[in-house]
Structure formats: structure tokens, C-alpha cells
Amino acid sequence: MVEPAVVLRTRSLPSAYDHPHASDEARLIAERGTVLRAQVGSGVHGTSLSGQDDRDELGLCLEPPQFVTGVARVPAGLSRTRTVAFEQFHRHTAWDRPGGLANRSGAGDLDVVIYSARKWARLAMDGNPSVLLLLFVPDEEVVYRDAVGVELTANAHRFVSRLAGNRFLGYLQAQKAAMTGEVGAHTNRPELVAQHGYDTKYAMHALRLGFQGIELLSTGRISLPVPEPERAYLRSVRRGDLPLAEVLAAVDDVEVRLTALQDSSAVPPEPDRAWVDDWLHRSYQWFWSTLP
């Protein structure tokens, strides 16, 4: 494995917005404390189609002591009366267009979430696919990574465990339900259903989660972009080149394979919680020592 590099491109984030986790105060906490931020969407998976995708970024930050050991809170969006605990800064640039929060992200939009390091670590240890992915992003897709982020990335294996199996399966099954518009499932791309008979983007994500979950439970890592020939297959599904019956059969196949790996001996049953606790403690102590 190639050692991760320090990448100091930018920590700048979009301006505040009237969303509970998009206040200017939350933005400043996220910017100043960012230790790792990278692209995590279709661009990094290698499944994007020219001119069709937004850019998804995910990161984590260290917040000042009053938000960890005290009771400090941040405003809820632009409100001067309501407050929330700081857990993340969450901003979609699509909200800047008429329609605001109801807008779907489209080509050229940025969707970015910066979690507090403590929340990110909890989600990662629980096996959340989107959160774990951040540890495997290649250097060229990293937006910002300081020495603290380098240590974290170099210890990705500390977060990987069999717990991820259930999470990958749950996400896969949700995408599978949404691709065909099952009762209770959410889909917001009726144009794809009308054109292809199913939501091809949800179908692609269901398969991608299956491929990546299988790799993670078999090797302890996720390769980015998705290796061939799986990557080409995912792109063909997204374009709608394949009939629904074939895609459903492929999703069922990866679901069965992923289920069979639930007791895989290639990864430990639990994450290394002691190491994560130590990393968080040391990282926060260092960050607080640098504050004026």
C-alpha cells in the first residue's frame, strides 16, 4: 500500500445557508479544524457520466474544546434564536438556486459534509459505507489532508470490521428498492424510470455497494476507482444499456455473495476501538494546543 501524502489544497467551504447545519459559525469550525476532506461521489468511483454529475465531498474536523468538553452550540442555520449541537457542516450549492432546499443537485453542483471527528469515527466504526470510503480515496481526489489526516488514513484498517457487512447490505437493499420504486422507497428521478423502466442510478449504486462490500470484507480495503471489469459494467447499467431483469439478477447475485461474507475471517469482528479512542484524544489535544 502506498503511504498517504499530505495534501493542502483548500479548506474553504460554501457560505452559510438557512439549514440547521449550515450556519456561518459551523462553517468556520469545519474550515479551521479540517484534517481530511476528499471527493467521495461518482467521480472517485469512476462511474460518472460526462456532464451529468454533481461533486460529492466528505470530510472531518476537530472542533474547539467548548464544543467537546463544554455545552457550546451553534446557530441553527441563519437563526439568531435557535441553536444545535455542532456535529457537522452540511451544504449543497444547489440550494442557492430558486427553490432552495427542495432543489436536486445537478451537474456542477457541490454537495459537501464535514463531520466532527467524533461523529465521523462513530459512523466509520459502525461500518457506514460512505464514511468508510473516505479512508481509501487516492491522493489526487483528496481536497485537504494534514498530518493528522495522514495518520488516520494510514490506519484505515483500524476501522474495518465485519460490522460493515450489515451496513453495506442495508444500503444495497435500500438502493435496490428505490431502483424499481417499491412501496415506501424513495426515488426522485422519475425521468429515468420513464425512459428505462427503472432508476438506473440507484441500480448502479446498488451494484457498486455490493462490489465494494465484497472487496472490503475479502481484503480489508476498497479500491478506487472501482476496478475493471466491474467499473465498465456499472457505467453500462447507469446508461440504461441493460434490461431490468438482467440488472435485478446481478444485484441479487452480489447481495448473496455479500451475505455469505458476513463471517469473513479476512477482517476482524470489531473495529480497533482502543486505537480510535487514542487517536481522537491525541488529535484533539494537539489541535487545542494550536488555538490562540
C-alpha atoms as a PDB file:
ATOM      1  CA  MET A   1       0.000   0.000   0.000  1.00  0.00           C
ATOM      2  CA  VAL A   2       1.287   3.475  -0.937  1.00  0.00           C
ATOM      3  CA  GLU A   3       1.643   5.738   2.085  1.00  0.00           C
ATOM      4  CA  PRO A   4      -0.880   8.615   2.059  1.00  0.00           C
ATOM      5  CA  ALA A   5       0.533  12.069   1.382  1.00  0.00           C
ATOM      6  CA  VAL A   6      -0.093  15.427   2.988  1.00  0.00           C
ATOM      7  CA  VAL A   7      -2.413  17.385   0.650  1.00  0.00           C
ATOM      8  CA  LEU A   8      -3.000  21.049   1.483  1.00  0.00           C
ATOM      9  CA  ARG A   9      -5.249  22.334  -1.308  1.00  0.00           C
ATOM     10  CA  THR A  10      -8.098  24.154   0.434  1.00  0.00           C
ATOM     11  CA  ARG A  11     -10.306  24.072   3.497  1.00  0.00           C
ATOM     12  CA  SER A  12     -12.688  26.747   2.188  1.00  0.00           C
ATOM     13  CA  LEU A  13     -16.386  25.905   2.292  1.00  0.00           C
ATOM     14  CA  PRO A  14     -19.512  27.465   0.727  1.00  0.00           C
ATOM     15  CA  SER A  15     -21.124  30.340   2.594  1.00  0.00           C
ATOM     16  CA  ALA A  16     -23.769  29.985   5.285  1.00  0.00           C
ATOM     17  CA  TYR A  17     -27.335  28.999   4.443  1.00  0.00           C
ATOM     18  CA  ASP A  18     -30.632  28.681   6.300  1.00  0.00           C
ATOM     19  CA  HIS A  19     -30.230  24.973   7.007  1.00  0.00           C
ATOM     20  CA  PRO A  20     -29.787  23.607  10.563  1.00  0.00           C
ATOM     21  CA  HIS A  21     -26.176  22.563   9.906  1.00  0.00           C
ATOM     22  CA  ALA A  22     -25.078  25.372   7.589  1.00  0.00           C
ATOM     23  CA  SER A  23     -24.574  28.370   9.878  1.00  0.00           C
ATOM     24  CA  ASP A  24     -21.549  30.596   9.435  1.00  0.00           C
ATOM     25  CA  GLU A  25     -20.330  29.525  12.872  1.00  0.00           C
ATOM     26  CA  ALA A  26     -20.492  25.858  11.850  1.00  0.00           C
ATOM     27  CA  ARG A  27     -18.673  26.686   8.616  1.00  0.00           C
ATOM     28  CA  LEU A  28     -15.819  28.369  10.496  1.00  0.00           C
ATOM     29  CA  ILE A  29     -15.468  25.432  12.899  1.00  0.00           C
ATOM     30  CA  ALA A  30     -15.354  22.998   9.989  1.00  0.00           C
ATOM     31  CA  GLU A  31     -12.883  25.064   7.964  1.00  0.00           C
ATOM     32  CA  ARG A  32     -10.446  25.754  10.776  1.00  0.00           C
ATOM     33  CA  GLY A  33     -10.460  22.208  12.115  1.00  0.00           C
ATOM     34  CA  THR A  34     -10.493  20.136   8.912  1.00  0.00           C
ATOM     35  CA  VAL A  35      -7.940  17.322   8.917  1.00  0.00           C
ATOM     36  CA  LEU A  36      -9.272  15.302   5.965  1.00  0.00           C
ATOM     37  CA  ARG A  37     -11.605  16.101   3.062  1.00  0.00           C
ATOM     38  CA  ALA A  38     -11.999  14.347  -0.290  1.00  0.00           C
ATOM     39  CA  GLN A  39     -14.295  13.610  -3.179  1.00  0.00           C
ATOM     40  CA  VAL A  40     -16.497  10.567  -2.465  1.00  0.00           C
ATOM     41  CA  GLY A  41     -19.066  10.578  -5.290  1.00  0.00           C
ATOM     42  CA  SER A  42     -19.266   9.090  -8.760  1.00  0.00           C
ATOM     43  CA  GLY A  43     -16.103  10.893  -9.838  1.00  0.00           C
ATOM     44  CA  VAL A  44     -13.944   8.949  -7.401  1.00  0.00           C
ATOM     45  CA  HIS A  45     -15.762   5.658  -8.132  1.00  0.00           C
ATOM     46  CA  GLY A  46     -15.157   6.103 -11.859  1.00  0.00           C
ATOM     47  CA  THR A  47     -18.866   5.783 -12.625  1.00  0.00           C
ATOM     48  CA  SER A  48     -19.690   9.365 -13.599  1.00  0.00           C
ATOM     49  CA  LEU A  49     -21.120  10.197 -16.998  1.00  0.00           C
ATOM     50  CA  SER A  50     -19.874  13.298 -18.774  1.00  0.00           C
ATOM     51  CA  GLY A  51     -21.771  16.442 -17.842  1.00  0.00           C
ATOM     52  CA  GLN A  52     -24.314  14.707 -15.605  1.00  0.00           C
ATOM     53  CA  ASP A  53     -22.831  14.656 -12.109  1.00  0.00           C
ATOM     54  CA  ASP A  54     -22.512  16.903  -9.130  1.00  0.00           C
ATOM     55  CA  ARG A  55     -19.456  16.669  -6.898  1.00  0.00           C
ATOM     56  CA  ASP A  56     -19.816  14.981  -3.501  1.00  0.00           C
ATOM     57  CA  GLU A  57     -17.211  15.700  -0.844  1.00  0.00           C
ATOM     58  CA  LEU A  58     -16.891  14.371   2.697  1.00  0.00           C
ATOM     59  CA  GLY A  59     -14.542  15.305   5.485  1.00  0.00           C
ATOM     60  CA  LEU A  60     -13.964  15.532   9.207  1.00  0.00           C
ATOM     61  CA  CYS A  61     -12.783  18.247  11.543  1.00  0.00           C
ATOM     62  CA  LEU A  62     -11.607  18.833  15.081  1.00  0.00           C
ATOM     63  CA  GLU A  63     -13.753  21.348  16.925  1.00  0.00           C
ATOM     64  CA  PRO A  64     -12.715  23.759  19.726  1.00  0.00           C
ATOM     65  CA  PRO A  65     -12.830  22.482  23.333  1.00  0.00           C
ATOM     66  CA  GLN A  66     -16.026  24.267  24.343  1.00  0.00           C
ATOM     67  CA  PHE A  67     -17.910  22.140  21.796  1.00  0.00           C
ATOM     68  CA  VAL A  68     -16.443  18.895  23.170  1.00  0.00           C
ATOM     69  CA  THR A  69     -15.984  19.307  26.911  1.00  0.00           C
ATOM     70  CA  GLY A  70     -18.464  22.153  27.334  1.00  0.00           C
ATOM     71  CA  VAL A  71     -22.029  22.907  26.252  1.00  0.00           C
ATOM     72  CA  ALA A  72     -21.378  25.385  23.423  1.00  0.00           C
ATOM     73  CA  ARG A  73     -23.746  25.216  20.454  1.00  0.00           C
ATOM     74  CA  VAL A  74     -24.011  26.883  17.047  1.00  0.00           C
ATOM     75  CA  PRO A  75     -26.967  28.699  15.464  1.00  0.00           C
ATOM     76  CA  ALA A  76     -29.437  26.573  13.518  1.00  0.00           C
ATOM     77  CA  GLY A  77     -28.726  27.943  10.068  1.00  0.00           C
ATOM     78  CA  LEU A  78     -29.332  31.687   9.897  1.00  0.00           C
ATOM     79  CA  SER A  79     -31.472  31.719  13.033  1.00  0.00           C
ATOM     80  CA  ARG A  80     -30.474  34.021  15.873  1.00  0.00           C
ATOM     81  CA  THR A  81     -32.738  32.248  18.365  1.00  0.00           C
ATOM     82  CA  ARG A  82     -32.451  28.505  17.678  1.00  0.00           C
ATOM     83  CA  THR A  83     -29.243  26.526  18.247  1.00  0.00           C
ATOM     84  CA  VAL A  84     -27.976  22.993  17.594  1.00  0.00           C
ATOM     85  CA  ALA A  85     -25.033  20.966  18.820  1.00  0.00           C
ATOM     86  CA  PHE A  86     -22.146  21.059  16.341  1.00  0.00           C
ATOM     87  CA  GLU A  87     -21.905  17.659  14.662  1.00  0.00           C
ATOM     88  CA  GLN A  88     -21.337  18.677  11.051  1.00  0.00           C
ATOM     89  CA  PHE A  89     -21.366  21.395   8.435  1.00  0.00           C
ATOM     90  CA  HIS A  90     -23.697  20.383   5.594  1.00  0.00           C
ATOM     91  CA  ARG A  91     -24.058  22.433   2.418  1.00  0.00           C
ATOM     92  CA  HIS A  92     -25.373  21.868  -1.123  1.00  0.00           C
ATOM     93  CA  THR A  93     -24.701  24.653  -3.631  1.00  0.00           C
ATOM     94  CA  ALA A  94     -27.905  23.604  -5.416  1.00  0.00           C
ATOM     95  CA  TRP A  95     -29.743  25.366  -2.595  1.00  0.00           C
ATOM     96  CA  ASP A  96     -28.559  28.704  -4.000  1.00  0.00           C
ATOM     97  CA  ARG A  97     -30.940  28.433  -6.974  1.00  0.00           C
ATOM     98  CA  PRO A  98     -34.645  29.348  -6.822  1.00  0.00           C
ATOM     99  CA  GLY A  99     -36.359  26.519  -4.935  1.00  0.00           C
ATOM    100  CA  GLY A 100     -33.729  26.365  -2.217  1.00  0.00           C
ATOM    101  CA  LEU A 101     -33.644  23.204  -0.102  1.00  0.00           C
ATOM    102  CA  ALA A 102     -36.067  21.438  -2.465  1.00  0.00           C
ATOM    103  CA  ASN A 103     -33.579  21.509  -5.353  1.00  0.00           C
ATOM    104  CA  ARG A 104     -31.942  18.354  -6.636  1.00  0.00           C
ATOM    105  CA  SER A 105     -28.207  18.582  -7.143  1.00  0.00           C
ATOM    106  CA  GLY A 106     -27.119  18.566 -10.761  1.00  0.00           C
ATOM    107  CA  ALA A 107     -24.060  18.882 -12.955  1.00  0.00           C
ATOM    108  CA  GLY A 108     -21.527  21.264 -11.468  1.00  0.00           C
ATOM    109  CA  ASP A 109     -23.084  21.437  -8.001  1.00  0.00           C
ATOM    110  CA  LEU A 110     -21.067  20.757  -4.864  1.00  0.00           C
ATOM    111  CA  ASP A 111     -22.506  18.673  -2.017  1.00  0.00           C
ATOM    112  CA  VAL A 112     -20.197  18.753   0.999  1.00  0.00           C
ATOM    113  CA  VAL A 113     -20.445  17.410   4.550  1.00  0.00           C
ATOM    114  CA  ILE A 114     -17.747  17.948   7.178  1.00  0.00           C
ATOM    115  CA  TYR A 115     -18.418  15.848  10.285  1.00  0.00           C
ATOM    116  CA  SER A 116     -16.948  16.387  13.711  1.00  0.00           C
ATOM    117  CA  ALA A 117     -14.145  13.835  14.124  1.00  0.00           C
ATOM    118  CA  ARG A 118     -16.044  12.139  16.940  1.00  0.00           C
ATOM    119  CA  LYS A 119     -19.217  11.677  14.889  1.00  0.00           C
ATOM    120  CA  TRP A 120     -17.230  10.561  11.848  1.00  0.00           C
ATOM    121  CA  ALA A 121     -15.371   7.968  13.930  1.00  0.00           C
ATOM    122  CA  ARG A 122     -18.604   6.563  15.358  1.00  0.00           C
ATOM    123  CA  LEU A 123     -20.090   6.185  11.879  1.00  0.00           C
ATOM    124  CA  ALA A 124     -16.890   4.689  10.482  1.00  0.00           C
ATOM    125  CA  MET A 125     -16.565   2.115  13.262  1.00  0.00           C
ATOM    126  CA  ASP A 126     -20.195   1.176  12.656  1.00  0.00           C
ATOM    127  CA  GLY A 127     -19.288   0.364   9.041  1.00  0.00           C
ATOM    128  CA  ASN A 128     -21.115   3.208   7.258  1.00  0.00           C
ATOM    129  CA  PRO A 129     -20.126   2.768   3.570  1.00  0.00           C
ATOM    130  CA  SER A 130     -19.981   6.461   2.647  1.00  0.00           C
ATOM    131  CA  VAL A 131     -17.969   7.373   5.733  1.00  0.00           C
ATOM    132  CA  LEU A 132     -15.504   4.466   5.452  1.00  0.00           C
ATOM    133  CA  LEU A 133     -14.894   5.324   1.801  1.00  0.00           C
ATOM    134  CA  LEU A 134     -13.040   8.488   2.821  1.00  0.00           C
ATOM    135  CA  LEU A 135     -10.135   6.359   4.089  1.00  0.00           C
ATOM    136  CA  PHE A 136      -9.453   4.868   0.658  1.00  0.00           C
ATOM    137  CA  VAL A 137      -9.628   7.885  -1.652  1.00  0.00           C
ATOM    138  CA  PRO A 138      -6.472   8.258  -3.821  1.00  0.00           C
ATOM    139  CA  ASP A 139      -4.295  11.312  -3.257  1.00  0.00           C
ATOM    140  CA  GLU A 140      -5.389  13.043  -6.464  1.00  0.00           C
ATOM    141  CA  GLU A 141      -9.002  13.154  -5.223  1.00  0.00           C
ATOM    142  CA  VAL A 142      -8.102  14.462  -1.755  1.00  0.00           C
ATOM    143  CA  VAL A 143      -9.008  18.115  -1.198  1.00  0.00           C
ATOM    144  CA  TYR A 144      -7.222  18.511   2.140  1.00  0.00           C
ATOM    145  CA  ARG A 145      -5.248  16.160   4.391  1.00  0.00           C
ATOM    146  CA  ASP A 146      -2.820  17.303   7.070  1.00  0.00           C
ATOM    147  CA  ALA A 147      -0.544  15.144   9.233  1.00  0.00           C
ATOM    148  CA  VAL A 148      -3.458  14.175  11.493  1.00  0.00           C
ATOM    149  CA  GLY A 149      -5.435  13.065   8.434  1.00  0.00           C
ATOM    150  CA  VAL A 150      -2.420  11.171   7.126  1.00  0.00           C
ATOM    151  CA  GLU A 151      -2.164   9.153  10.351  1.00  0.00           C
ATOM    152  CA  LEU A 152      -5.878   8.417  10.177  1.00  0.00           C
ATOM    153  CA  THR A 153      -5.727   7.274   6.552  1.00  0.00           C
ATOM    154  CA  ALA A 154      -2.651   5.136   7.185  1.00  0.00           C
ATOM    155  CA  ASN A 155      -4.659   3.309   9.867  1.00  0.00           C
ATOM    156  CA  ALA A 156      -7.776   2.661   7.784  1.00  0.00           C
ATOM    157  CA  HIS A 157      -7.644  -0.998   8.830  1.00  0.00           C
ATOM    158  CA  ARG A 158      -8.415   0.020  12.419  1.00  0.00           C
ATOM    159  CA  PHE A 159     -11.957   0.935  11.347  1.00  0.00           C
ATOM    160  CA  VAL A 160     -12.710  -2.066   9.128  1.00  0.00           C
ATOM    161  CA  SER A 161     -14.645  -4.951  10.649  1.00  0.00           C
ATOM    162  CA  ARG A 162     -17.420  -7.418   9.915  1.00  0.00           C
ATOM    163  CA  LEU A 163     -19.870  -4.815  11.192  1.00  0.00           C
ATOM    164  CA  ALA A 164     -19.563  -3.211   7.760  1.00  0.00           C
ATOM    165  CA  GLY A 165     -21.286  -6.198   6.179  1.00  0.00           C
ATOM    166  CA  ASN A 166     -24.688  -5.321   7.610  1.00  0.00           C
ATOM    167  CA  ARG A 167     -24.273  -1.667   6.667  1.00  0.00           C
ATOM    168  CA  PHE A 168     -23.316  -2.384   3.070  1.00  0.00           C
ATOM    169  CA  LEU A 169     -26.203  -4.831   2.777  1.00  0.00           C
ATOM    170  CA  GLY A 170     -28.657  -2.328   4.221  1.00  0.00           C
ATOM    171  CA  TYR A 171     -27.566   0.398   1.823  1.00  0.00           C
ATOM    172  CA  LEU A 172     -27.614  -2.035  -1.110  1.00  0.00           C
ATOM    173  CA  GLN A 173     -31.134  -3.180  -0.294  1.00  0.00           C
ATOM    174  CA  ALA A 174     -32.377   0.402   0.043  1.00  0.00           C
ATOM    175  CA  GLN A 175     -30.952   1.287  -3.371  1.00  0.00           C
ATOM    176  CA  LYS A 176     -32.448  -1.884  -4.834  1.00  0.00           C
ATOM    177  CA  ALA A 177     -35.890  -0.973  -3.527  1.00  0.00           C
ATOM    178  CA  ALA A 178     -35.591   2.572  -4.852  1.00  0.00           C
ATOM    179  CA  MET A 179     -34.463   1.481  -8.317  1.00  0.00           C
ATOM    180  CA  THR A 180     -37.868  -0.052  -9.033  1.00  0.00           C
ATOM    181  CA  GLY A 181     -39.947   2.325  -6.926  1.00  0.00           C
ATOM    182  CA  GLU A 182     -41.119  -0.228  -4.369  1.00  0.00           C
ATOM    183  CA  VAL A 183     -43.784   0.902  -1.928  1.00  0.00           C
ATOM    184  CA  GLY A 184     -42.194   3.069   0.747  1.00  0.00           C
ATOM    185  CA  ALA A 185     -38.971   3.527  -1.233  1.00  0.00           C
ATOM    186  CA  HIS A 186     -37.813   6.987  -2.217  1.00  0.00           C
ATOM    187  CA  THR A 187     -36.939   7.882  -5.794  1.00  0.00           C
ATOM    188  CA  ASN A 188     -36.548  11.366  -7.197  1.00  0.00           C
ATOM    189  CA  ARG A 189     -35.598  10.529 -10.780  1.00  0.00           C
ATOM    190  CA  PRO A 190     -38.913   9.636 -12.482  1.00  0.00           C
ATOM    191  CA  GLU A 191     -37.393  10.557 -15.833  1.00  0.00           C
ATOM    192  CA  LEU A 192     -35.027   7.575 -15.602  1.00  0.00           C
ATOM    193  CA  VAL A 193     -37.875   5.226 -14.691  1.00  0.00           C
ATOM    194  CA  ALA A 194     -39.908   6.538 -17.634  1.00  0.00           C
ATOM    195  CA  GLN A 195     -37.000   6.060 -20.035  1.00  0.00           C
ATOM    196  CA  HIS A 196     -35.539   2.753 -18.853  1.00  0.00           C
ATOM    197  CA  GLY A 197     -38.210   1.136 -16.686  1.00  0.00           C
ATOM    198  CA  TYR A 198     -36.093   1.561 -13.571  1.00  0.00           C
ATOM    199  CA  ASP A 199     -33.909   4.170 -11.879  1.00  0.00           C
ATOM    200  CA  THR A 200     -30.558   3.375 -13.456  1.00  0.00           C
ATOM    201  CA  LYS A 201     -28.566   5.481 -10.994  1.00  0.00           C
ATOM    202  CA  TYR A 202     -29.975   3.637  -7.979  1.00  0.00           C
ATOM    203  CA  ALA A 203     -29.303   0.361  -9.790  1.00  0.00           C
ATOM    204  CA  MET A 204     -25.686   1.340 -10.378  1.00  0.00           C
ATOM    205  CA  HIS A 205     -25.239   2.308  -6.726  1.00  0.00           C
ATOM    206  CA  ALA A 206     -26.794  -0.967  -5.515  1.00  0.00           C
ATOM    207  CA  LEU A 207     -24.279  -2.926  -7.569  1.00  0.00           C
ATOM    208  CA  ARG A 208     -21.379  -0.662  -6.594  1.00  0.00           C
ATOM    209  CA  LEU A 209     -22.151  -1.158  -2.914  1.00  0.00           C
ATOM    210  CA  GLY A 210     -22.220  -4.887  -3.486  1.00  0.00           C
ATOM    211  CA  PHE A 211     -18.867  -4.921  -5.300  1.00  0.00           C
ATOM    212  CA  GLN A 212     -17.206  -2.678  -2.722  1.00  0.00           C
ATOM    213  CA  GLY A 213     -18.677  -4.501   0.265  1.00  0.00           C
ATOM    214  CA  ILE A 214     -17.425  -7.816  -1.125  1.00  0.00           C
ATOM    215  CA  GLU A 215     -13.942  -6.372  -1.654  1.00  0.00           C
ATOM    216  CA  LEU A 216     -13.857  -4.803   1.820  1.00  0.00           C
ATOM    217  CA  LEU A 217     -14.871  -7.993   3.617  1.00  0.00           C
ATOM    218  CA  SER A 218     -12.472 -10.040   1.481  1.00  0.00           C
ATOM    219  CA  THR A 219      -9.388  -7.797   1.631  1.00  0.00           C
ATOM    220  CA  GLY A 220      -9.979  -5.109   4.244  1.00  0.00           C
ATOM    221  CA  ARG A 221      -9.751  -2.328   1.661  1.00  0.00           C
ATOM    222  CA  ILE A 222     -11.754  -0.603  -1.102  1.00  0.00           C
ATOM    223  CA  SER A 223     -10.099   0.101  -4.461  1.00  0.00           C
ATOM    224  CA  LEU A 224     -10.861   3.473  -6.034  1.00  0.00           C
ATOM    225  CA  PRO A 225     -11.863   3.923  -8.739  1.00  0.00           C
ATOM    226  CA  VAL A 226     -13.830   0.667  -8.977  1.00  0.00           C
ATOM    227  CA  PRO A 227     -11.578  -1.838 -10.800  1.00  0.00           C
ATOM    228  CA  GLU A 228     -12.413  -3.207 -14.221  1.00  0.00           C
ATOM    229  CA  PRO A 229     -14.417  -5.025 -15.476  1.00  0.00           C
ATOM    230  CA  GLU A 230     -16.881  -4.035 -12.741  1.00  0.00           C
ATOM    231  CA  ARG A 231     -16.452  -0.326 -13.478  1.00  0.00           C
ATOM    232  CA  ALA A 232     -17.449  -0.701 -17.135  1.00  0.00           C
ATOM    233  CA  TYR A 233     -20.418  -2.824 -16.085  1.00  0.00           C
ATOM    234  CA  LEU A 234     -21.563  -0.175 -13.601  1.00  0.00           C
ATOM    235  CA  ARG A 235     -21.363   2.511 -16.275  1.00  0.00           C
ATOM    236  CA  SER A 236     -23.415   0.413 -18.687  1.00  0.00           C
ATOM    237  CA  VAL A 237     -26.075  -0.047 -16.001  1.00  0.00           C
ATOM    238  CA  ARG A 238     -26.139   3.669 -15.328  1.00  0.00           C
ATOM    239  CA  ARG A 239     -26.559   4.446 -19.043  1.00  0.00           C
ATOM    240  CA  GLY A 240     -29.566   2.104 -19.123  1.00  0.00           C
ATOM    241  CA  ASP A 241     -27.923  -0.297 -21.585  1.00  0.00           C
ATOM    242  CA  LEU A 242     -29.158  -3.382 -19.733  1.00  0.00           C
ATOM    243  CA  PRO A 243     -32.726  -4.632 -19.222  1.00  0.00           C
ATOM    244  CA  LEU A 244     -34.230  -4.551 -15.747  1.00  0.00           C
ATOM    245  CA  ALA A 245     -34.340  -8.349 -15.417  1.00  0.00           C
ATOM    246  CA  GLU A 246     -30.598  -8.655 -16.007  1.00  0.00           C
ATOM    247  CA  VAL A 247     -29.781  -5.860 -13.577  1.00  0.00           C
ATOM    248  CA  LEU A 248     -32.014  -7.319 -10.858  1.00  0.00           C
ATOM    249  CA  ALA A 249     -30.305 -10.684 -11.301  1.00  0.00           C
ATOM    250  CA  ALA A 250     -26.899  -9.010 -10.965  1.00  0.00           C
ATOM    251  CA  VAL A 251     -27.978  -7.158  -7.806  1.00  0.00           C
ATOM    252  CA  ASP A 252     -29.365 -10.373  -6.321  1.00  0.00           C
ATOM    253  CA  ASP A 253     -26.057 -12.099  -7.067  1.00  0.00           C
ATOM    254  CA  VAL A 254     -23.888  -9.536  -5.274  1.00  0.00           C
ATOM    255  CA  GLU A 255     -26.356  -9.472  -2.395  1.00  0.00           C
ATOM    256  CA  VAL A 256     -25.984 -13.231  -1.951  1.00  0.00           C
ATOM    257  CA  ARG A 257     -22.183 -13.029  -2.190  1.00  0.00           C
ATOM    258  CA  LEU A 258     -22.019 -10.176   0.309  1.00  0.00           C
ATOM    259  CA  THR A 259     -24.312 -12.012   2.731  1.00  0.00           C
ATOM    260  CA  ALA A 260     -22.066 -15.069   2.551  1.00  0.00           C
ATOM    261  CA  LEU A 261     -19.099 -12.929   3.646  1.00  0.00           C
ATOM    262  CA  GLN A 262     -20.747 -11.784   6.878  1.00  0.00           C
ATOM    263  CA  ASP A 263     -18.500 -14.132   8.854  1.00  0.00           C
ATOM    264  CA  SER A 264     -15.397 -13.473   6.759  1.00  0.00           C
ATOM    265  CA  SER A 265     -12.136 -14.205   8.559  1.00  0.00           C
ATOM    266  CA  ALA A 266     -10.315 -11.635   6.399  1.00  0.00           C
ATOM    267  CA  VAL A 267     -11.409  -8.776   8.668  1.00  0.00           C
ATOM    268  CA  PRO A 268     -11.808  -8.635  12.465  1.00  0.00           C
ATOM    269  CA  PRO A 269     -15.239  -8.922  14.103  1.00  0.00           C
ATOM    270  CA  GLU A 270     -14.935  -5.445  15.655  1.00  0.00           C
ATOM    271  CA  PRO A 271     -13.008  -2.249  14.879  1.00  0.00           C
ATOM    272  CA  ASP A 272      -9.994  -1.282  16.981  1.00  0.00           C
ATOM    273  CA  ARG A 273     -11.869   0.985  19.375  1.00  0.00           C
ATOM    274  CA  ALA A 274      -8.878   1.481  21.678  1.00  0.00           C
ATOM    275  CA  TRP A 275      -6.767   2.860  18.826  1.00  0.00           C
ATOM    276  CA  VAL A 276      -9.603   5.126  17.675  1.00  0.00           C
ATOM    277  CA  ASP A 277     -10.046   6.493  21.210  1.00  0.00           C
ATOM    278  CA  ASP A 278      -6.314   7.176  21.439  1.00  0.00           C
ATOM    279  CA  TRP A 279      -6.210   8.873  18.019  1.00  0.00           C
ATOM    280  CA  LEU A 280      -9.142  11.102  18.884  1.00  0.00           C
ATOM    281  CA  HIS A 281      -7.668  12.031  22.260  1.00  0.00           C
ATOM    282  CA  ARG A 282      -4.217  12.843  20.864  1.00  0.00           C
ATOM    283  CA  SER A 283      -5.612  14.719  17.854  1.00  0.00           C
ATOM    284  CA  TYR A 284      -7.922  16.921  19.893  1.00  0.00           C
ATOM    285  CA  GLN A 285      -5.201  17.660  22.446  1.00  0.00           C
ATOM    286  CA  TRP A 286      -2.811  18.701  19.661  1.00  0.00           C
ATOM    287  CA  PHE A 287      -5.432  20.847  17.905  1.00  0.00           C
ATOM    288  CA  TRP A 288      -6.432  22.633  21.076  1.00  0.00           C
ATOM    289  CA  SER A 289      -2.762  23.405  21.810  1.00  0.00           C
ATOM    290  CA  THR A 290      -2.555  25.310  18.499  1.00  0.00           C
ATOM    291  CA  LEU A 291      -5.543  27.573  19.197  1.00  0.00           C
ATOM    292  CA  PRO A 292      -4.927  31.161  20.333  1.00  0.00           C
END
